[in-house]
Protein backbone atom coordinates (compact mmCIF):
# COMPACT_ATOMS: atom_id res chain seq x y z
CA MET A 1 0.00 0.00 0.00
CA SER A 2 1.36 3.35 -0.88
CA THR A 3 2.10 6.10 1.57
CA ILE A 4 -0.48 8.37 -0.05
CA ALA A 5 -3.18 5.72 0.41
CA VAL A 6 -2.30 5.27 4.10
CA ILE A 7 -2.33 9.04 4.65
CA ALA A 8 -5.68 9.30 2.84
CA ILE A 9 -7.16 6.53 5.02
CA ILE A 10 -5.89 8.21 8.22
CA VAL A 11 -7.16 11.66 7.12
CA GLY A 12 -10.52 10.10 6.17
CA GLY A 13 -10.73 8.42 9.59
CA LEU A 14 -9.93 11.69 11.33
CA ILE A 15 -12.59 13.47 9.30
CA LEU A 16 -15.14 10.79 10.24
CA LEU A 17 -14.19 11.13 13.91
CA ALA A 18 -14.56 14.91 13.68
CA LEU A 19 -17.97 14.55 12.02
CA LEU A 20 -19.09 12.06 14.66
CA ALA A 21 -17.88 14.32 17.49
CA SER A 22 -19.68 17.28 15.93
CA ALA A 23 -22.92 15.29 15.58
CA LEU A 24 -22.69 14.14 19.19
CA LYS A 25 -22.09 17.70 20.37
CA ARG A 26 -25.10 18.99 18.39
CA ALA A 27 -27.31 16.24 19.81
CA GLN A 28 -26.14 17.06 23.32
CA GLU A 29 -26.85 20.77 22.75
CA ARG A 30 -30.34 19.97 21.43
CA ARG A 31 -31.07 17.90 24.53
CA ARG A 32 -29.81 20.72 26.75
CA GLN A 33 -32.00 23.26 24.93
CA ALA A 34 -35.01 20.94 25.20
CA ARG A 35 -34.39 20.62 28.93
CA ILE A 36 -34.16 24.40 29.33
CA GLN A 37 -37.38 24.90 27.37
CA THR A 38 -39.15 22.27 29.46
CA GLU A 39 -38.02 24.00 32.66
CA ALA A 40 -39.21 27.36 31.30
CA ARG A 41 -42.61 25.89 30.45
CA ARG A 42 -42.89 24.41 33.93
CA ASP A 43 -42.01 27.80 35.40
CA ASP A 44 -44.74 29.39 33.26
CA ILE A 45 -47.24 26.81 34.48
CA GLU A 46 -46.27 27.53 38.08
CA VAL A 47 -46.66 31.28 37.52
CA ASP A 48 -50.11 30.71 35.99
CA ARG A 49 -51.17 28.53 38.93
CA ASP A 50 -49.91 31.10 41.41
CA GLU A 51 -51.89 33.79 39.56
CA ALA A 52 -55.02 31.62 39.63
CA GLN A 53 -54.63 31.08 43.37
CA ARG A 54 -54.07 34.80 43.95
CA ARG A 55 -57.25 35.61 42.00
CA ARG A 56 -59.22 32.99 43.93
CA THR A 57 -58.04 34.54 47.18
CA GLU A 58 -59.01 38.01 45.95
CA ALA A 59 -62.43 36.69 44.96
CA ALA A 60 -62.92 35.14 48.39
CA VAL A 61 -61.91 38.39 50.09
CA SER A 62 -64.26 40.35 47.83
CA ALA A 63 -67.12 37.96 48.58
CA GLU A 64 -66.45 38.33 52.29
CA ARG A 65 -66.43 42.14 51.98
CA ALA A 66 -69.67 42.05 50.02
CA GLN A 67 -71.29 39.92 52.71
CA ARG A 68 -70.08 42.29 55.42
CA VAL A 69 -71.40 45.33 53.54
CA GLU A 70 -74.75 43.57 53.03
CA THR A 71 -74.94 42.82 56.76
CA GLU A 72 -74.08 46.44 57.59
CA ALA A 73 -76.80 47.61 55.21
CA GLU A 74 -79.34 45.33 56.90
CA LEU A 75 -78.31 46.65 60.33
CA ALA A 76 -78.63 50.23 59.11
CA GLU A 77 -82.09 49.44 57.74
CA GLU A 78 -83.09 47.92 61.10
CA ARG A 79 -81.80 51.02 62.95
CA ALA A 80 -83.76 53.24 60.58
CA ALA A 81 -86.90 51.17 61.13
CA ARG A 82 -86.46 51.36 64.95
CA LYS A 83 -85.91 55.12 64.83
CA GLU A 84 -88.97 55.51 62.62
CA GLN A 85 -91.07 53.47 65.07
CA GLU A 86 -89.79 55.60 67.95
CA LEU A 87 -90.65 58.73 66.01
CA ASP A 88 -94.16 57.45 65.27
CA ARG A 89 -94.69 56.62 68.96
CA GLY A 90 -93.26 59.82 70.25
């Protein structure tokens, strides 16, 4: 076998190794990017769930306030009715 043929085989082998290494590196980078995107999506989901919980809490507080205001209105109406009765008697 000639020297040129041996050199060509060695260079070809090195090129194949370089191509294989490059392909492996790209695959590893794609997996890393996929992992990062998955983590970002999970973070987004967590943010959305936190927002939903915050809104539920606000709704509960608002409902409680509305009930309190309704009760205060009923008490004010009762006071007005008592005062009116006292006025009619007096």
